[in-house]
Protein backbone atom coordinates (compact mmCIF):
# COMPACT_ATOMS: atom_id res chain seq x y z
CA MET A 1 -9.70 -20.79 -12.00
CA THR A 2 -8.37 -22.61 -8.95
CA ASN A 3 -5.21 -24.74 -9.54
CA GLN A 4 -4.01 -22.06 -11.80
CA ALA A 5 -0.55 -20.82 -10.85
CA VAL A 6 -0.16 -17.36 -9.51
CA ALA A 7 3.19 -15.66 -8.82
CA VAL A 8 3.48 -13.26 -6.05
CA PHE A 9 6.38 -10.79 -6.14
CA GLY A 10 7.13 -9.06 -2.75
CA LEU A 11 6.63 -10.78 0.58
CA GLY A 12 6.28 -7.88 2.93
CA ILE A 13 3.40 -7.33 5.30
CA ILE A 14 0.76 -7.44 2.53
CA GLY A 15 2.34 -9.78 -0.11
CA SER A 16 3.11 -12.61 2.24
CA ARG A 17 -0.52 -12.66 3.62
CA CYS A 18 -1.95 -12.43 0.15
CA ALA A 19 0.19 -15.36 -0.93
CA ALA A 20 -1.19 -17.41 1.90
CA ASN A 21 -4.74 -16.53 0.99
CA LEU A 22 -4.34 -17.44 -2.66
CA ALA A 23 -2.93 -20.81 -1.57
CA LYS A 24 -6.03 -21.31 0.76
CA ALA A 25 -8.21 -20.50 -2.27
CA GLY A 26 -6.63 -23.37 -4.20
CA TYR A 27 -4.21 -21.59 -6.38
CA GLU A 28 -0.73 -22.89 -7.05
CA VAL A 29 1.40 -20.14 -5.59
CA VAL A 30 4.91 -19.26 -6.56
CA THR A 31 6.67 -16.53 -4.50
CA TRP A 32 9.71 -14.35 -4.88
CA ASN A 33 11.17 -11.76 -2.64
CA ARG A 34 14.27 -9.55 -3.05
CA THR A 35 15.49 -10.72 0.35
CA PRO A 36 14.97 -14.46 0.34
CA LYS A 37 12.34 -15.65 2.93
CA GLY A 38 13.09 -19.43 2.65
CA GLY A 39 9.47 -20.50 2.17
CA GLU A 40 8.25 -23.64 0.45
CA THR A 41 6.92 -21.68 -2.44
CA ASP A 42 9.92 -19.38 -2.91
CA VAL A 43 11.98 -19.41 -6.09
CA ALA A 44 15.40 -17.93 -6.58
CA THR A 45 14.74 -15.42 -9.26
CA PRO A 46 11.74 -13.32 -10.65
CA LYS A 47 12.33 -14.81 -14.05
CA GLU A 48 11.74 -18.27 -12.53
CA ALA A 49 8.42 -17.08 -10.95
CA ALA A 50 7.30 -15.70 -14.32
CA ALA A 51 8.19 -19.04 -16.00
CA LYS A 52 6.09 -20.94 -13.52
CA ALA A 53 2.95 -18.82 -13.58
CA LYS A 54 0.91 -16.92 -16.05
CA VAL A 55 -0.72 -14.50 -13.48
CA LEU A 56 1.77 -12.22 -11.84
CA ALA A 57 0.86 -10.20 -8.79
CA PHE A 58 3.21 -7.51 -7.60
CA TYR A 59 3.29 -6.21 -4.07
CA LEU A 60 6.53 -4.31 -4.11
CA LYS A 61 7.66 -1.21 -2.15
CA ASP A 62 7.77 1.41 -4.96
CA GLY A 63 8.11 2.28 -8.58
CA VAL A 64 11.84 1.67 -8.63
CA ALA A 65 11.35 -1.86 -7.29
CA LEU A 66 8.48 -2.55 -9.74
CA ARG A 67 10.51 -1.29 -12.84
CA ASP A 68 13.59 -3.16 -11.77
CA THR A 69 11.69 -6.42 -11.26
CA PHE A 70 9.75 -6.04 -14.42
CA ASP A 71 12.96 -5.47 -16.43
CA LEU A 72 14.25 -8.77 -15.00
CA ILE A 73 11.22 -10.76 -16.29
CA ARG A 74 10.42 -8.85 -19.50
CA ASP A 75 11.91 -11.40 -21.83
CA GLN A 76 10.01 -14.19 -20.03
CA LEU A 77 6.64 -12.58 -20.67
CA THR A 78 4.21 -13.75 -23.33
CA PRO A 79 0.79 -12.78 -24.57
CA GLU A 80 -0.55 -15.45 -22.18
CA HIS A 81 0.71 -13.57 -19.04
CA VAL A 82 -1.34 -11.04 -17.01
CA VAL A 83 0.53 -8.54 -14.89
CA MET A 84 -1.37 -7.13 -11.87
CA ASN A 85 0.42 -4.27 -10.14
CA HIS A 86 -0.82 -3.94 -6.52
CA SER A 87 2.06 -1.74 -5.52
CA THR A 88 1.53 1.93 -4.82
CA VAL A 89 3.69 3.64 -7.49
CA ASP A 90 3.92 6.89 -9.25
CA LEU A 91 1.67 7.45 -12.24
CA GLU A 92 4.54 7.50 -14.74
CA THR A 93 5.67 4.02 -13.61
CA THR A 94 2.07 2.70 -14.08
CA HIS A 95 1.90 3.99 -17.58
CA ALA A 96 5.37 2.69 -18.41
CA ILE A 97 4.64 -0.81 -17.30
CA ALA A 98 1.25 -0.69 -19.20
CA VAL A 99 3.00 0.37 -22.35
CA ALA A 100 5.63 -2.39 -22.00
CA CYS A 101 2.93 -4.91 -21.46
CA ALA A 102 1.03 -3.75 -24.52
CA GLU A 103 4.21 -4.11 -26.59
CA ILE A 104 4.57 -7.68 -25.38
CA GLY A 105 0.90 -8.41 -25.81
CA CYS A 106 0.29 -9.51 -22.20
CA GLY A 107 -2.46 -8.25 -20.01
CA PHE A 108 -2.01 -5.50 -17.45
CA LEU A 109 -4.21 -4.25 -14.56
CA ASP A 110 -3.55 -1.09 -12.56
CA CYS A 111 -4.68 -2.60 -9.18
CA PRO A 112 -3.54 -0.96 -5.96
CA PHE A 113 -5.29 -1.79 -2.71
CA THR A 114 -6.48 -0.29 0.53
CA GLY A 115 -6.12 -2.24 3.80
CA SER A 116 -3.16 -3.11 5.95
CA LYS A 117 -1.85 -6.04 7.93
CA ASP A 118 -5.05 -7.24 9.50
CA ALA A 119 -7.17 -6.85 6.35
CA SER A 120 -4.66 -8.73 4.18
CA ALA A 121 -4.45 -11.60 6.68
CA ALA A 122 -8.25 -11.91 6.61
CA GLY A 123 -8.47 -11.63 2.80
CA GLN A 124 -10.38 -8.41 3.25
CA LEU A 125 -8.38 -5.93 1.04
CA VAL A 126 -10.24 -3.47 -1.27
CA TYR A 127 -8.69 -3.20 -4.69
CA TYR A 128 -8.98 -0.11 -6.89
CA VAL A 129 -8.90 -1.56 -10.42
CA GLY A 130 -8.04 0.23 -13.74
CA GLY A 131 -7.84 -1.54 -17.01
CA ASP A 132 -9.82 -3.48 -19.67
CA PRO A 133 -13.15 -4.52 -18.31
CA ALA A 134 -12.91 -7.98 -19.93
CA LEU A 135 -9.56 -8.66 -18.26
CA ILE A 136 -10.87 -7.41 -14.89
CA GLU A 137 -13.69 -9.83 -15.14
CA ARG A 138 -11.29 -12.61 -16.08
CA MET A 139 -9.01 -11.89 -13.11
CA LYS A 140 -11.87 -11.39 -10.64
CA PRO A 141 -11.55 -14.84 -9.10
CA VAL A 142 -7.97 -14.34 -8.38
CA LEU A 143 -8.61 -10.81 -6.86
CA ASP A 144 -11.49 -12.20 -4.84
CA ALA A 145 -9.10 -14.58 -3.10
CA THR A 146 -7.48 -11.72 -1.21
CA SER A 147 -10.14 -9.05 -1.05
CA LYS A 148 -13.62 -8.19 -0.01
CA GLU A 149 -14.37 -5.69 -2.72
CA LEU A 150 -13.24 -4.57 -6.14
CA LYS A 151 -13.81 -0.98 -7.05
CA VAL A 152 -13.53 -0.61 -10.85
CA ILE A 153 -12.20 2.84 -11.34
CA GLY A 154 -11.62 3.26 -15.09
CA GLY A 155 -8.71 3.09 -17.41
CA VAL A 156 -5.07 2.31 -16.55
CA GLY A 157 -3.69 5.10 -14.33
CA SER A 158 -7.01 5.98 -12.80
CA ALA A 159 -6.63 3.48 -9.89
CA THR A 160 -3.07 4.77 -9.29
CA VAL A 161 -4.38 8.31 -8.99
CA ILE A 162 -7.17 7.27 -6.58
CA LYS A 163 -4.77 5.27 -4.37
CA ILE A 164 -2.46 8.28 -4.11
CA ALA A 165 -5.33 10.58 -3.38
CA THR A 166 -6.82 8.32 -0.66
CA ASN A 167 -3.40 7.94 1.02
CA LEU A 168 -3.00 11.70 0.98
CA ILE A 169 -6.19 11.90 3.03
CA SER A 170 -4.97 9.17 5.56
CA ALA A 171 -1.60 10.86 6.11
CA GLN A 172 -3.18 14.18 6.77
CA VAL A 173 -5.76 12.62 9.15
CA VAL A 174 -3.03 11.15 11.22
CA GLN A 175 -1.22 14.43 11.20
CA ALA A 176 -4.39 16.20 12.43
CA LEU A 177 -4.95 13.46 15.12
CA SER A 178 -1.38 13.90 16.23
CA GLU A 179 -1.79 17.68 16.64
CA ALA A 180 -5.13 17.28 18.42
CA MET A 181 -3.72 14.69 20.91
CA ALA A 182 -0.64 16.77 21.56
CA LEU A 183 -2.80 19.87 22.19
CA THR A 184 -5.15 17.90 24.47
CA GLU A 185 -2.33 16.42 26.63
CA ALA A 186 -0.39 19.68 26.75
CA SER A 187 -3.55 21.34 28.13
CA GLY A 188 -3.87 18.75 30.86
CA VAL A 189 -6.71 16.61 29.51
CA ASP A 190 -6.12 12.89 29.33
CA SER A 191 -5.84 11.49 25.81
CA GLN A 192 -8.69 8.97 26.45
CA VAL A 193 -11.12 11.79 26.77
CA LEU A 194 -10.17 13.06 23.29
CA ILE A 195 -10.47 9.43 21.98
CA ASP A 196 -14.00 9.19 23.33
CA ALA A 197 -14.96 12.61 22.09
CA VAL A 198 -13.70 11.92 18.59
CA ALA A 199 -15.69 8.54 18.52
CA SER A 200 -18.90 10.57 18.94
CA ASN A 201 -17.89 13.49 16.70
CA ALA A 202 -18.45 13.95 13.01
CA CYS A 203 -14.68 13.84 12.56
CA GLY A 204 -14.60 10.26 13.91
CA SER A 205 -13.58 7.51 11.49
CA VAL A 206 -12.36 3.99 11.19
CA LEU A 207 -8.90 5.43 10.91
CA ALA A 208 -9.12 7.48 14.07
CA LYS A 209 -10.60 4.45 15.90
CA MET A 210 -7.67 2.37 14.79
CA LYS A 211 -4.80 4.90 15.25
CA MET A 212 -5.78 6.97 18.37
CA PRO A 213 -5.51 4.31 21.12
CA ALA A 214 -2.22 3.09 19.65
CA MET A 215 -0.83 6.61 19.53
CA ALA A 216 -1.95 7.15 23.19
CA ALA A 217 -0.24 4.01 24.25
CA GLY A 218 2.91 4.59 22.24
CA ASP A 219 2.21 1.31 20.32
CA TYR A 220 3.57 1.66 16.85
CA ASP A 221 3.38 -1.91 15.70
CA THR A 222 3.56 -1.70 11.94
CA HIS A 223 0.47 -1.95 9.81
CA PHE A 224 1.69 0.50 7.23
CA SER A 225 5.02 2.09 7.74
CA VAL A 226 6.03 5.71 8.12
CA ASP A 227 8.40 5.26 5.16
CA ASN A 228 5.78 3.73 2.92
CA MET A 229 3.24 6.55 3.73
CA ARG A 230 6.12 9.17 3.24
CA LYS A 231 6.80 7.67 -0.25
CA ASP A 232 3.16 7.79 -1.16
CA SER A 233 2.93 11.41 -0.04
CA ALA A 234 5.87 12.22 -2.37
CA PHE A 235 3.96 10.64 -5.19
CA ALA A 236 1.04 12.97 -4.40
CA LEU A 237 3.33 15.96 -4.45
CA GLU A 238 4.84 14.91 -7.78
CA LEU A 239 1.38 14.41 -9.30
CA ALA A 240 0.30 17.84 -7.93
CA ALA A 241 3.32 19.47 -9.54
CA GLN A 242 2.54 17.81 -12.92
CA VAL A 243 -1.07 19.27 -12.84
CA GLY A 244 -0.15 22.66 -11.44
CA LEU A 245 -1.48 22.34 -7.94
CA GLU A 246 -0.02 23.37 -4.55
CA LEU A 247 -1.05 21.00 -1.75
CA PRO A 248 -0.09 22.67 1.58
CA GLY A 249 -1.60 19.95 3.79
CA ILE A 250 0.30 17.02 2.47
CA THR A 251 3.36 19.15 2.03
CA VAL A 252 3.43 19.44 5.85
CA ALA A 253 2.61 15.82 6.39
CA ASN A 254 5.51 14.80 3.99
CA ARG A 255 7.95 16.91 5.90
CA VAL A 256 6.91 15.40 9.24
CA MET A 257 7.23 11.85 7.87
CA THR A 258 10.60 12.65 6.31
CA GLU A 259 11.80 13.89 9.66
CA ARG A 260 10.53 10.82 11.44
CA CYS A 261 12.37 8.52 9.00
CA GLU A 262 15.53 10.62 9.47
CA GLU A 263 15.18 10.15 13.23
CA GLY A 264 14.79 6.38 13.10
CA ASP A 265 11.13 5.76 12.86
CA ALA A 266 10.96 4.69 9.19
CA GLU A 267 9.71 1.13 9.84
CA LEU A 268 7.25 2.03 12.65
CA ASP A 269 3.58 2.35 11.80
CA TYR A 270 2.80 5.77 10.29
CA SER A 271 0.85 6.75 13.48
CA ALA A 272 4.38 7.34 14.80
CA MET A 273 3.94 10.76 13.21
CA TYR A 274 2.77 11.62 16.68
CA ARG A 275 6.40 11.20 17.84
CA GLN A 276 7.13 14.64 16.26
CA PHE A 277 5.93 16.11 19.53
CA ALA A 278 8.25 13.93 21.73
CA ARG A 279 11.08 16.48 21.17
CA LYS A 280 8.99 19.25 22.67
CA ALA A 281 7.35 17.28 25.46
CA PRO A 282 9.09 14.01 26.23
CA ASP A 283 6.04 12.66 28.14
CA PHE A 284 4.12 12.80 24.87
CA ALA A 285 4.25 10.23 22.03
CA ARG A 286 6.06 7.64 24.14
């Protein structure tokens, strides 16, 4: 499928790196971003991007951005187009875009990812994929250009639910790490001791290994922002309300992230949740 044109909508931390990897794999890449980046592959409007490519990959911030962009290209879409949504959005938006694509006759894959800045740069994302199995197989070469694994989840909507659920876990893990590190330091024990202990404990994880040293150093270089994780936690709470569940853990994490955004940390990495303790002890969460 190389030399096929792929349009990438959204050139943030992930989308820009995926566009580069698609180009490396031999695809003709067309890019569009709401705030122009001035790159060689950029076009002025999303409609122009959809006119130049039949495979459309969306890496946008949220459901509002996805719906708005889709509305701008709707009259450009044909049965030859395939829409792959990689943005983490609410379940209602996923179903709405799928219905609109079905009405047009174009393909649609519910295809969010896990992996942040480094994984996207290395072409090592993991995609959760929901949709028609034949279409998934057809799009596999395109997805392989930016990923190390495809996890086929089921029908449209199932991948969105899994993405929301896994981010729910990640947000609460970082909240727990923040509490543990604050408690450790407040008790007079160096944070490195906790980091070493967690590495040998059943609670250790790739996420803990990634986030704890940065938290201890006060290094919040953005891999996935507080605001993006706050947004995803809100999706989890919306979905929980729809199915009649109360989720106390993510409720707390959502409140913490909302406060961090209000206090100016929105674009920092979400490990900056640790800064919630800076107000109580300025030596913490530098």
